[in-house]
Structure formats: structure tokens, C-alpha cells
C-alpha atoms as a PDB file:
ATOM      1  CA  MET A   1       0.000   0.000   0.000  1.00  0.00           C
ATOM      2  CA  VAL A   2       1.380   3.391  -1.002  1.00  0.00           C
ATOM      3  CA  GLY A   3       2.053   5.743   1.885  1.00  0.00           C
ATOM      4  CA  LYS A   4       1.133   3.176   4.515  1.00  0.00           C
ATOM      5  CA  ILE A   5       3.333   1.899   7.295  1.00  0.00           C
ATOM      6  CA  ASP A   6       2.262  -0.706   9.815  1.00  0.00           C
ATOM      7  CA  LYS A   7       2.722  -0.805  13.574  1.00  0.00           C
ATOM      8  CA  GLN A   8       5.522  -3.388  13.402  1.00  0.00           C
ATOM      9  CA  GLU A   9       7.549  -1.159  11.058  1.00  0.00           C
ATOM     10  CA  VAL A  10       7.246   1.784  13.459  1.00  0.00           C
ATOM     11  CA  GLU A  11       8.279  -0.445  16.359  1.00  0.00           C
ATOM     12  CA  TYR A  12      11.251  -1.726  14.318  1.00  0.00           C
ATOM     13  CA  LEU A  13      12.371   1.827  13.460  1.00  0.00           C
ATOM     14  CA  ALA A  14      12.033   2.832  17.121  1.00  0.00           C
ATOM     15  CA  LYS A  15      14.131  -0.177  18.131  1.00  0.00           C
ATOM     16  CA  LEU A  16      16.844   0.755  15.599  1.00  0.00           C
ATOM     17  CA  ALA A  17      16.847   4.327  16.940  1.00  0.00           C
ATOM     18  CA  ARG A  18      16.788   2.995  20.511  1.00  0.00           C
ATOM     19  CA  VAL A  19      13.688   5.053  21.268  1.00  0.00           C
ATOM     20  CA  GLY A  20      10.915   3.809  23.496  1.00  0.00           C
ATOM     21  CA  LEU A  21       7.422   4.646  22.249  1.00  0.00           C
ATOM     22  CA  THR A  22       4.015   4.461  23.874  1.00  0.00           C
ATOM     23  CA  ASN A  23       1.065   3.001  21.940  1.00  0.00           C
ATOM     24  CA  ALA A  24      -0.223   6.541  21.321  1.00  0.00           C
ATOM     25  CA  GLU A  25       3.166   7.585  19.918  1.00  0.00           C
ATOM     26  CA  ILE A  26       3.311   4.489  17.699  1.00  0.00           C
ATOM     27  CA  THR A  27      -0.097   5.388  16.269  1.00  0.00           C
ATOM     28  CA  LYS A  28       0.960   9.020  15.754  1.00  0.00           C
ATOM     29  CA  TYR A  29       4.230   8.082  14.032  1.00  0.00           C
ATOM     30  CA  GLN A  30       2.454   5.462  11.960  1.00  0.00           C
ATOM     31  CA  LYS A  31       0.278   8.231  10.523  1.00  0.00           C
ATOM     32  CA  ASP A  32       3.138  10.763  10.242  1.00  0.00           C
ATOM     33  CA  LEU A  33       5.508   8.329   8.518  1.00  0.00           C
ATOM     34  CA  GLY A  34       2.681   7.177   6.245  1.00  0.00           C
ATOM     35  CA  ASP A  35       2.070  10.807   5.245  1.00  0.00           C
ATOM     36  CA  ILE A  36       5.770  11.277   4.500  1.00  0.00           C
ATOM     37  CA  LEU A  37       5.918   8.118   2.391  1.00  0.00           C
ATOM     38  CA  GLY A  38       2.781   9.226   0.543  1.00  0.00           C
ATOM     39  CA  TYR A  39       4.417  12.556  -0.237  1.00  0.00           C
ATOM     40  CA  VAL A  40       7.565  10.815  -1.501  1.00  0.00           C
ATOM     41  CA  GLU A  41       5.401   8.643  -3.770  1.00  0.00           C
ATOM     42  CA  LYS A  42       3.773  11.810  -5.100  1.00  0.00           C
ATOM     43  CA  LEU A  43       7.217  13.285  -5.791  1.00  0.00           C
ATOM     44  CA  ASN A  44       8.189  10.096  -7.654  1.00  0.00           C
ATOM     45  CA  GLU A  45       5.329  10.771 -10.097  1.00  0.00           C
ATOM     46  CA  VAL A  46       6.820  14.120 -11.168  1.00  0.00           C
ATOM     47  CA  ASN A  47       8.370  14.112 -14.648  1.00  0.00           C
ATOM     48  CA  THR A  48      12.008  15.099 -14.161  1.00  0.00           C
ATOM     49  CA  ASP A  49      13.239  14.331 -17.689  1.00  0.00           C
ATOM     50  CA  GLY A  50      15.820  16.916 -18.696  1.00  0.00           C
ATOM     51  CA  VAL A  51      16.255  18.264 -15.154  1.00  0.00           C
ATOM     52  CA  ALA A  52      19.877  18.203 -14.043  1.00  0.00           C
ATOM     53  CA  PRO A  53      20.533  16.631 -10.653  1.00  0.00           C
ATOM     54  CA  MET A  54      21.618  19.016  -7.926  1.00  0.00           C
ATOM     55  CA  ALA A  55      23.607  18.524  -4.742  1.00  0.00           C
ATOM     56  CA  ALA A  56      22.008  21.299  -2.699  1.00  0.00           C
ATOM     57  CA  GLY A  57      18.886  23.458  -2.697  1.00  0.00           C
ATOM     58  CA  ILE A  58      20.900  26.654  -2.862  1.00  0.00           C
ATOM     59  CA  GLN A  59      23.961  27.605  -4.835  1.00  0.00           C
ATOM     60  CA  ALA A  60      26.545  28.654  -2.249  1.00  0.00           C
ATOM     61  CA  LYS A  61      29.792  30.344  -3.134  1.00  0.00           C
ATOM     62  CA  ASP A  62      33.074  30.012  -1.319  1.00  0.00           C
ATOM     63  CA  VAL A  63      33.150  32.997   1.008  1.00  0.00           C
ATOM     64  CA  MET A  64      36.711  32.605   2.234  1.00  0.00           C
ATOM     65  CA  ARG A  65      38.710  35.759   2.836  1.00  0.00           C
ATOM     66  CA  ASP A  66      42.385  36.423   3.414  1.00  0.00           C
ATOM     67  CA  ASP A  67      43.481  35.529   6.929  1.00  0.00           C
ATOM     68  CA  LYS A  68      44.972  38.725   8.283  1.00  0.00           C
ATOM     69  CA  VAL A  69      45.359  40.184  11.735  1.00  0.00           C
ATOM     70  CA  GLU A  70      43.296  43.289  12.398  1.00  0.00           C
ATOM     71  CA  SER A  71      43.018  45.237  15.594  1.00  0.00           C
ATOM     72  CA  VAL A  72      41.184  48.292  16.778  1.00  0.00           C
ATOM     73  CA  GLU A  73      42.971  50.744  19.036  1.00  0.00           C
ATOM     74  CA  GLY A  74      41.706  50.490  22.587  1.00  0.00           C
ATOM     75  CA  ALA A  75      39.728  47.295  21.976  1.00  0.00           C
ATOM     76  CA  PRO A  76      41.742  45.091  24.373  1.00  0.00           C
ATOM     77  CA  ALA A  77      41.357  47.637  27.173  1.00  0.00           C
ATOM     78  CA  GLU A  78      37.607  47.945  26.524  1.00  0.00           C
ATOM     79  CA  LEU A  79      37.218  44.165  26.556  1.00  0.00           C
ATOM     80  CA  LEU A  80      39.170  43.889  29.773  1.00  0.00           C
ATOM     81  CA  GLU A  81      36.886  46.480  31.382  1.00  0.00           C
ATOM     82  CA  CYS A  82      33.853  44.312  30.526  1.00  0.00           C
ATOM     83  CA  ALA A  83      35.333  41.128  31.993  1.00  0.00           C
ATOM     84  CA  PRO A  84      33.731  39.980  35.255  1.00  0.00           C
ATOM     85  CA  GLU A  85      37.130  38.857  36.596  1.00  0.00           C
ATOM     86  CA  LYS A  86      40.617  39.970  35.567  1.00  0.00           C
ATOM     87  CA  GLU A  87      44.139  39.412  36.776  1.00  0.00           C
ATOM     88  CA  ASP A  88      47.454  40.976  35.663  1.00  0.00           C
ATOM     89  CA  GLY A  89      45.894  42.502  32.548  1.00  0.00           C
ATOM     90  CA  PHE A  90      44.200  39.257  31.456  1.00  0.00           C
ATOM     91  CA  ILE A  91      40.625  37.978  31.584  1.00  0.00           C
ATOM     92  CA  LYS A  92      40.403  35.376  34.330  1.00  0.00           C
ATOM     93  CA  THR A  93      38.470  32.223  33.438  1.00  0.00           C
ATOM     94  CA  LYS A  94      37.693  28.941  35.109  1.00  0.00           C
ATOM     95  CA  SER A  95      40.399  26.317  34.866  1.00  0.00           C
ATOM     96  CA  VAL A  96      39.968  23.686  32.154  1.00  0.00           C
ATOM     97  CA  PHE A  97      42.516  21.296  33.626  1.00  0.00           C
ATOM     98  CA  GLU A  98      42.962  20.370  37.267  1.00  0.00           C
END
């Protein structure tokens, strides 16, 4: 049956995902997963002849920039003023290692 998923399949998927489900959740996911599968079947009916495959929904460009050091006069002093704790001109943080 197109777009249908039975209770045992939902239970099997939950077991694979190591997720415990109540009977109400099984029923809900049975309907939700059935709806998703029905939508996928609908998409499979679309004529895609002549449509080039794509790897992503958007065309992203490489936005890398040159790695260069920039500083603003007074910025370190302003940052230090905002720090809740400071010591010897440095921002004091909690220890990472014991």
C-alpha cells in the first residue's frame, strides 16, 4: 500500500533508533511516517526528464577571505573592562585542567 506503514515497522524503526514509544506515539508516528511516504510517492510521479541533478537546494559560493590580523585601538582595554574577573591585565576564566 502506497504511503502506509504498519505498527511493526514503526516499532522496528524505534528499536533501531533505541527510542521507546508508547502506543499513542506508535499510532501518531504510523500516521506521520505514512504521510511522508505518501508525499515521496507523489514526488516520484513528477516528470524530471531533462532536469539536471543538484547537490544542494541553494547555490553557495566560497566565502573565504584572506586571513589577516586586524586590531582596533583600545579594543583590548575595553574588553578587559567588561570582563567579570581579571588578573594581571588578562581575563580570568575557570580552569579547564585540574
